[in-house]
N, C-alpha and C. Protein backbone atom coordinates (compact mmCIF):
# COMPACT_ATOMS: atom_id res chain seq x y z
N MET A 1 0.84 -1.17 0.00
CA MET A 1 0.00 0.00 0.00
C MET A 1 0.89 1.23 0.00
N SER A 2 0.59 2.13 -0.91
CA SER A 2 1.35 3.37 -1.01
C SER A 2 0.80 4.38 0.01
N LYS A 3 1.62 4.70 1.00
CA LYS A 3 1.16 5.60 2.06
C LYS A 3 1.03 7.04 1.57
N LEU A 4 1.88 7.44 0.62
CA LEU A 4 1.76 8.79 0.06
C LEU A 4 0.47 8.93 -0.75
N ALA A 5 0.15 7.91 -1.53
CA ALA A 5 -1.11 7.95 -2.29
C ALA A 5 -2.31 7.94 -1.35
N LEU A 6 -2.20 7.22 -0.24
CA LEU A 6 -3.29 7.20 0.74
C LEU A 6 -3.49 8.58 1.36
N LEU A 7 -2.40 9.26 1.70
CA LEU A 7 -2.51 10.61 2.27
C LEU A 7 -3.11 11.59 1.26
N LYS A 8 -2.70 11.49 0.00
CA LYS A 8 -3.27 12.35 -1.04
C LYS A 8 -4.76 12.08 -1.22
N SER A 9 -5.14 10.81 -1.23
CA SER A 9 -6.56 10.47 -1.42
C SER A 9 -7.39 10.93 -0.23
N LEU A 10 -6.84 10.87 0.98
CA LEU A 10 -7.58 11.37 2.15
C LEU A 10 -7.73 12.89 2.10
N GLY A 11 -6.73 13.58 1.58
CA GLY A 11 -6.84 15.03 1.41
C GLY A 11 -7.92 15.40 0.41
N ILE A 12 -7.97 14.71 -0.72
CA ILE A 12 -9.02 14.93 -1.72
C ILE A 12 -10.38 14.62 -1.11
N SER A 13 -10.46 13.51 -0.40
CA SER A 13 -11.72 13.09 0.21
C SER A 13 -12.22 14.09 1.24
N SER A 14 -11.34 14.60 2.07
CA SER A 14 -11.79 15.54 3.11
C SER A 14 -12.28 16.85 2.50
N ALA A 15 -11.66 17.30 1.41
CA ALA A 15 -12.12 18.53 0.76
C ALA A 15 -13.50 18.34 0.14
N ILE A 16 -13.69 17.24 -0.56
CA ILE A 16 -14.99 16.98 -1.19
C ILE A 16 -16.07 16.75 -0.14
N THR A 17 -15.74 16.02 0.92
CA THR A 17 -16.72 15.76 1.98
C THR A 17 -17.12 17.04 2.69
N THR A 18 -16.18 17.93 2.92
CA THR A 18 -16.50 19.22 3.55
C THR A 18 -17.50 20.00 2.71
N ILE A 19 -17.29 20.03 1.42
CA ILE A 19 -18.19 20.77 0.52
C ILE A 19 -19.58 20.12 0.49
N VAL A 20 -19.62 18.78 0.39
CA VAL A 20 -20.91 18.08 0.34
C VAL A 20 -21.69 18.28 1.64
N LEU A 21 -21.03 18.14 2.78
CA LEU A 21 -21.73 18.34 4.06
C LEU A 21 -22.18 19.78 4.25
N ALA A 22 -21.40 20.73 3.75
CA ALA A 22 -21.81 22.14 3.85
C ALA A 22 -23.05 22.39 3.02
N ILE A 23 -23.11 21.82 1.83
CA ILE A 23 -24.30 21.99 0.98
C ILE A 23 -25.50 21.31 1.62
N LEU A 24 -25.32 20.11 2.16
CA LEU A 24 -26.42 19.41 2.83
C LEU A 24 -26.87 20.14 4.09
N GLY A 25 -25.96 20.87 4.72
CA GLY A 25 -26.29 21.60 5.95
C GLY A 25 -27.23 22.77 5.75
N GLY A 26 -27.44 23.21 4.51
CA GLY A 26 -28.36 24.30 4.24
C GLY A 26 -29.82 23.90 4.30
N TYR A 27 -30.09 22.59 4.28
CA TYR A 27 -31.48 22.11 4.34
C TYR A 27 -31.96 22.08 5.78
N SER A 28 -33.18 22.52 5.98
CA SER A 28 -33.79 22.37 7.30
C SER A 28 -35.31 22.27 7.13
N SER A 29 -35.92 21.71 8.13
CA SER A 29 -37.38 21.61 8.14
C SER A 29 -37.88 22.11 9.48
N SER A 30 -39.09 22.61 9.46
CA SER A 30 -39.69 23.06 10.71
C SER A 30 -41.15 22.62 10.73
N THR A 31 -41.62 22.31 11.92
CA THR A 31 -42.99 21.86 12.10
C THR A 31 -43.74 22.88 12.94
N THR A 32 -44.87 23.32 12.43
CA THR A 32 -45.69 24.29 13.17
C THR A 32 -46.46 23.56 14.26
N PRO A 33 -47.00 24.30 15.22
CA PRO A 33 -47.76 23.64 16.30
C PRO A 33 -48.96 22.82 15.81
N ASP A 34 -49.51 23.18 14.65
CA ASP A 34 -50.65 22.40 14.15
C ASP A 34 -50.22 21.20 13.32
N GLY A 35 -48.91 20.91 13.27
CA GLY A 35 -48.43 19.69 12.64
C GLY A 35 -48.02 19.80 11.18
N VAL A 36 -47.97 21.01 10.64
CA VAL A 36 -47.58 21.19 9.25
C VAL A 36 -46.06 21.33 9.18
N THR A 37 -45.44 20.49 8.39
CA THR A 37 -43.99 20.53 8.24
C THR A 37 -43.62 21.24 6.95
N THR A 38 -42.74 22.22 7.08
CA THR A 38 -42.25 22.92 5.90
C THR A 38 -40.77 22.63 5.73
N HIS A 39 -40.34 22.52 4.50
CA HIS A 39 -38.94 22.26 4.18
C HIS A 39 -38.40 23.46 3.43
N HIS A 40 -37.23 23.89 3.81
CA HIS A 40 -36.63 25.02 3.10
C HIS A 40 -35.12 24.86 3.06
N TYR A 41 -34.53 25.58 2.14
CA TYR A 41 -33.08 25.53 1.96
C TYR A 41 -32.55 26.95 1.98
N THR A 42 -31.48 27.14 2.73
CA THR A 42 -30.84 28.46 2.79
C THR A 42 -29.40 28.33 2.30
N PHE A 43 -28.87 29.42 1.83
CA PHE A 43 -27.50 29.41 1.35
C PHE A 43 -26.52 29.91 2.41
N SER A 44 -26.88 29.72 3.68
CA SER A 44 -25.98 30.13 4.75
C SER A 44 -24.79 29.18 4.88
N TRP A 45 -24.81 28.08 4.14
CA TRP A 45 -23.74 27.10 4.24
C TRP A 45 -22.41 27.68 3.78
N PHE A 46 -22.45 28.63 2.86
CA PHE A 46 -21.20 29.15 2.31
C PHE A 46 -20.39 29.90 3.35
N GLY A 47 -21.05 30.69 4.18
CA GLY A 47 -20.33 31.49 5.15
C GLY A 47 -20.18 30.84 6.51
N PHE A 48 -21.05 29.89 6.83
CA PHE A 48 -21.04 29.30 8.16
C PHE A 48 -20.54 27.86 8.17
N TRP A 49 -21.22 26.99 7.41
CA TRP A 49 -20.91 25.56 7.47
C TRP A 49 -19.57 25.21 6.84
N LEU A 50 -19.20 25.86 5.76
CA LEU A 50 -17.97 25.50 5.06
C LEU A 50 -16.73 25.69 5.94
N PRO A 51 -16.54 26.86 6.57
CA PRO A 51 -15.35 26.99 7.44
C PRO A 51 -15.45 26.13 8.70
N LEU A 52 -16.65 26.03 9.27
CA LEU A 52 -16.81 25.26 10.50
C LEU A 52 -16.54 23.77 10.27
N LEU A 53 -17.08 23.23 9.19
CA LEU A 53 -16.86 21.82 8.89
C LEU A 53 -15.40 21.55 8.55
N GLY A 54 -14.75 22.52 7.92
CA GLY A 54 -13.35 22.34 7.60
C GLY A 54 -12.49 22.10 8.83
N LEU A 55 -12.87 22.71 9.95
CA LEU A 55 -12.12 22.52 11.20
C LEU A 55 -12.25 21.11 11.75
N PHE A 56 -13.38 20.44 11.46
CA PHE A 56 -13.62 19.11 12.02
C PHE A 56 -13.37 17.99 11.02
N VAL A 57 -13.73 18.20 9.77
CA VAL A 57 -13.65 17.13 8.77
C VAL A 57 -12.20 16.81 8.41
N PHE A 58 -11.37 17.81 8.20
CA PHE A 58 -9.99 17.55 7.79
C PHE A 58 -9.22 16.73 8.84
N PRO A 59 -9.19 17.14 10.11
CA PRO A 59 -8.45 16.32 11.08
C PRO A 59 -9.07 14.94 11.29
N ALA A 60 -10.41 14.87 11.30
CA ALA A 60 -11.07 13.58 11.53
C ALA A 60 -10.80 12.61 10.38
N THR A 61 -10.73 13.13 9.17
CA THR A 61 -10.48 12.27 8.02
C THR A 61 -9.10 11.62 8.13
N PHE A 62 -8.12 12.39 8.53
CA PHE A 62 -6.77 11.82 8.64
C PHE A 62 -6.61 10.98 9.90
N ALA A 63 -7.20 11.42 11.01
CA ALA A 63 -7.04 10.68 12.27
C ALA A 63 -7.75 9.33 12.23
N VAL A 64 -8.87 9.26 11.52
CA VAL A 64 -9.63 8.01 11.45
C VAL A 64 -9.32 7.26 10.16
N GLY A 65 -9.30 7.96 9.05
CA GLY A 65 -9.17 7.31 7.74
C GLY A 65 -7.84 6.61 7.51
N TYR A 66 -6.76 7.21 7.99
CA TYR A 66 -5.43 6.63 7.74
C TYR A 66 -5.24 5.29 8.45
N PRO A 67 -5.43 5.22 9.77
CA PRO A 67 -5.22 3.92 10.42
C PRO A 67 -6.25 2.86 10.02
N VAL A 68 -7.50 3.28 9.78
CA VAL A 68 -8.52 2.31 9.38
C VAL A 68 -8.21 1.76 7.99
N SER A 69 -7.74 2.61 7.09
CA SER A 69 -7.37 2.13 5.75
C SER A 69 -6.21 1.15 5.81
N LEU A 70 -5.22 1.45 6.62
CA LEU A 70 -4.09 0.52 6.78
C LEU A 70 -4.53 -0.81 7.38
N LEU A 71 -5.42 -0.74 8.36
CA LEU A 71 -5.93 -1.97 8.99
C LEU A 71 -6.73 -2.81 7.99
N LEU A 72 -7.62 -2.16 7.23
CA LEU A 72 -8.39 -2.90 6.24
C LEU A 72 -7.50 -3.50 5.16
N TYR A 73 -6.45 -2.79 4.80
CA TYR A 73 -5.53 -3.32 3.79
C TYR A 73 -4.78 -4.55 4.32
N LYS A 74 -4.36 -4.49 5.58
CA LYS A 74 -3.65 -5.64 6.17
C LYS A 74 -4.57 -6.84 6.34
N LEU A 75 -5.85 -6.59 6.59
CA LEU A 75 -6.82 -7.67 6.74
C LEU A 75 -7.37 -8.15 5.39
N ARG A 76 -6.90 -7.55 4.31
CA ARG A 76 -7.34 -7.85 2.95
C ARG A 76 -8.84 -7.58 2.77
N LEU A 77 -9.31 -6.55 3.42
CA LEU A 77 -10.71 -6.14 3.32
C LEU A 77 -10.84 -4.76 2.68
N PHE A 78 -9.80 -4.31 1.99
CA PHE A 78 -9.80 -2.98 1.40
C PHE A 78 -10.48 -3.04 0.03
N ASN A 79 -11.83 -3.08 0.06
CA ASN A 79 -12.62 -3.00 -1.17
C ASN A 79 -13.72 -1.97 -0.97
N ILE A 80 -14.39 -1.61 -2.05
CA ILE A 80 -15.35 -0.51 -2.01
C ILE A 80 -16.52 -0.79 -1.06
N TYR A 81 -16.92 -2.04 -0.94
CA TYR A 81 -18.08 -2.38 -0.11
C TYR A 81 -17.76 -2.23 1.37
N VAL A 82 -16.65 -2.80 1.79
CA VAL A 82 -16.28 -2.73 3.20
C VAL A 82 -15.91 -1.30 3.59
N VAL A 83 -15.19 -0.63 2.71
CA VAL A 83 -14.77 0.75 2.99
C VAL A 83 -15.99 1.66 3.15
N SER A 84 -16.98 1.54 2.27
CA SER A 84 -18.16 2.40 2.37
C SER A 84 -18.99 2.07 3.62
N LEU A 85 -19.11 0.80 3.94
CA LEU A 85 -19.85 0.41 5.14
C LEU A 85 -19.17 0.91 6.41
N VAL A 86 -17.85 0.77 6.46
CA VAL A 86 -17.10 1.27 7.62
C VAL A 86 -17.21 2.79 7.71
N GLY A 87 -17.21 3.48 6.56
CA GLY A 87 -17.35 4.93 6.55
C GLY A 87 -18.68 5.39 7.10
N ILE A 88 -19.76 4.73 6.69
CA ILE A 88 -21.10 5.11 7.15
C ILE A 88 -21.25 4.85 8.65
N VAL A 89 -20.96 3.63 9.06
CA VAL A 89 -21.13 3.26 10.47
C VAL A 89 -20.17 4.06 11.36
N GLY A 90 -18.95 4.25 10.88
CA GLY A 90 -17.97 5.00 11.66
C GLY A 90 -18.36 6.45 11.86
N ALA A 91 -18.88 7.08 10.82
CA ALA A 91 -19.29 8.49 10.93
C ALA A 91 -20.45 8.65 11.91
N ILE A 92 -21.42 7.77 11.82
CA ILE A 92 -22.56 7.85 12.73
C ILE A 92 -22.11 7.58 14.17
N ALA A 93 -21.23 6.61 14.35
CA ALA A 93 -20.75 6.29 15.70
C ALA A 93 -19.93 7.43 16.29
N VAL A 94 -19.04 8.01 15.50
CA VAL A 94 -18.20 9.11 16.00
C VAL A 94 -19.05 10.31 16.38
N VAL A 95 -20.03 10.65 15.55
CA VAL A 95 -20.88 11.81 15.85
C VAL A 95 -21.74 11.56 17.08
N SER A 96 -22.25 10.35 17.24
CA SER A 96 -23.07 10.08 18.42
C SER A 96 -22.23 10.12 19.70
N VAL A 97 -20.97 9.72 19.61
CA VAL A 97 -20.09 9.81 20.78
C VAL A 97 -19.73 11.27 21.07
N LEU A 98 -19.42 12.04 20.02
CA LEU A 98 -19.06 13.44 20.21
C LEU A 98 -20.21 14.26 20.78
N PHE A 99 -21.43 14.02 20.28
CA PHE A 99 -22.59 14.78 20.75
C PHE A 99 -23.25 14.14 21.96
N SER A 100 -22.80 12.96 22.36
CA SER A 100 -23.36 12.21 23.50
C SER A 100 -24.86 12.03 23.38
N LYS A 101 -25.31 11.70 22.18
CA LYS A 101 -26.72 11.45 21.96
C LYS A 101 -26.89 10.03 21.46
N PHE A 102 -27.61 9.23 22.21
CA PHE A 102 -27.85 7.85 21.83
C PHE A 102 -29.34 7.59 21.87
N PRO A 103 -30.00 7.23 20.86
CA PRO A 103 -29.53 7.21 19.48
C PRO A 103 -29.60 8.61 18.88
N LEU A 104 -28.94 8.78 17.76
CA LEU A 104 -28.98 10.07 17.06
C LEU A 104 -30.36 10.30 16.45
N ALA A 105 -30.71 11.56 16.26
CA ALA A 105 -31.94 11.87 15.53
C ALA A 105 -31.79 11.34 14.10
N PRO A 106 -32.87 10.86 13.50
CA PRO A 106 -32.76 10.25 12.17
C PRO A 106 -32.14 11.16 11.12
N MET A 107 -32.49 12.45 11.10
CA MET A 107 -31.92 13.34 10.09
C MET A 107 -30.44 13.59 10.34
N LEU A 108 -30.04 13.63 11.60
CA LEU A 108 -28.62 13.81 11.93
C LEU A 108 -27.83 12.57 11.54
N ALA A 109 -28.39 11.39 11.79
CA ALA A 109 -27.73 10.15 11.39
C ALA A 109 -27.62 10.06 9.87
N LEU A 110 -28.67 10.47 9.17
CA LEU A 110 -28.63 10.47 7.70
C LEU A 110 -27.58 11.45 7.20
N TYR A 111 -27.54 12.62 7.79
CA TYR A 111 -26.61 13.67 7.39
C TYR A 111 -25.16 13.21 7.53
N TYR A 112 -24.80 12.70 8.70
CA TYR A 112 -23.42 12.29 8.92
C TYR A 112 -23.12 10.93 8.29
N GLY A 113 -24.10 10.07 8.18
CA GLY A 113 -23.90 8.83 7.43
C GLY A 113 -23.61 9.10 5.97
N MET A 114 -24.30 10.09 5.41
CA MET A 114 -24.02 10.50 4.03
C MET A 114 -22.60 11.05 3.91
N GLY A 115 -22.19 11.82 4.91
CA GLY A 115 -20.82 12.33 4.91
C GLY A 115 -19.80 11.22 4.99
N GLY A 116 -20.05 10.22 5.83
CA GLY A 116 -19.13 9.07 5.92
C GLY A 116 -19.07 8.28 4.63
N PHE A 117 -20.21 8.15 3.97
CA PHE A 117 -20.25 7.44 2.69
C PHE A 117 -19.45 8.21 1.64
N VAL A 118 -19.69 9.50 1.53
CA VAL A 118 -18.98 10.32 0.54
C VAL A 118 -17.48 10.30 0.82
N ALA A 119 -17.10 10.42 2.08
CA ALA A 119 -15.68 10.45 2.44
C ALA A 119 -15.00 9.13 2.11
N SER A 120 -15.62 8.02 2.48
CA SER A 120 -14.97 6.73 2.28
C SER A 120 -14.90 6.35 0.81
N VAL A 121 -15.99 6.55 0.08
CA VAL A 121 -15.98 6.18 -1.34
C VAL A 121 -15.05 7.09 -2.13
N THR A 122 -15.05 8.38 -1.82
CA THR A 122 -14.14 9.31 -2.51
C THR A 122 -12.69 8.95 -2.24
N ALA A 123 -12.37 8.64 -0.99
CA ALA A 123 -10.99 8.26 -0.66
C ALA A 123 -10.59 6.97 -1.37
N PHE A 124 -11.50 5.99 -1.42
CA PHE A 124 -11.19 4.72 -2.07
C PHE A 124 -10.96 4.91 -3.57
N VAL A 125 -11.85 5.64 -4.22
CA VAL A 125 -11.72 5.86 -5.67
C VAL A 125 -10.47 6.68 -5.99
N ALA A 126 -10.19 7.69 -5.17
CA ALA A 126 -8.98 8.50 -5.38
C ALA A 126 -7.73 7.66 -5.19
N TYR A 127 -7.73 6.80 -4.18
CA TYR A 127 -6.57 5.94 -3.95
C TYR A 127 -6.36 4.99 -5.13
N LYS A 128 -7.43 4.38 -5.59
CA LYS A 128 -7.31 3.44 -6.72
C LYS A 128 -6.81 4.16 -7.97
N ASN A 129 -7.27 5.39 -8.20
CA ASN A 129 -6.81 6.13 -9.37
C ASN A 129 -5.36 6.59 -9.22
N LEU A 130 -4.95 6.92 -8.00
CA LEU A 130 -3.57 7.36 -7.79
C LEU A 130 -2.57 6.21 -7.88
N THR A 131 -3.00 4.99 -7.58
CA THR A 131 -2.09 3.85 -7.61
C THR A 131 -2.25 3.00 -8.87
N LYS A 132 -3.09 3.46 -9.79
CA LYS A 132 -3.29 2.71 -11.03
C LYS A 132 -2.02 2.80 -11.87
N PRO A 133 -1.54 1.66 -12.37
CA PRO A 133 -0.32 1.71 -13.19
C PRO A 133 -0.60 2.43 -14.51
N SER A 134 0.33 3.26 -14.91
CA SER A 134 0.17 3.99 -16.17
C SER A 134 0.78 3.20 -17.31
N ASN A 135 0.19 3.35 -18.47
CA ASN A 135 0.68 2.60 -19.64
C ASN A 135 1.79 3.30 -20.34
């Protein structure tokens, strides 16, 4: 396993995941007292979510993604299916531990599970493309 290619792929993955989570963070819903739920989207993600997520996503991607990728590679489980499943479950588990909420609200679990999926699949595809032999 090329450790330099792994670090590059994690860097690409953390940048893309930060942008995707920031865009998803603009969605919100509210329920009125009479039970009517409204859904709306705001563009506050550009000024608020993007810098804030950058502070958490970049270090977490390297702190978690690097050792887990090495472990999966040594166990010969480094494929797209296992990597994406570990990314989804890991993201939900880390967020529930950080926020001390058990279980997480469904929308929060979906939000961070989506982030874990995007991060893991992007890192896997970037790694495979970076280590592909050139003709």
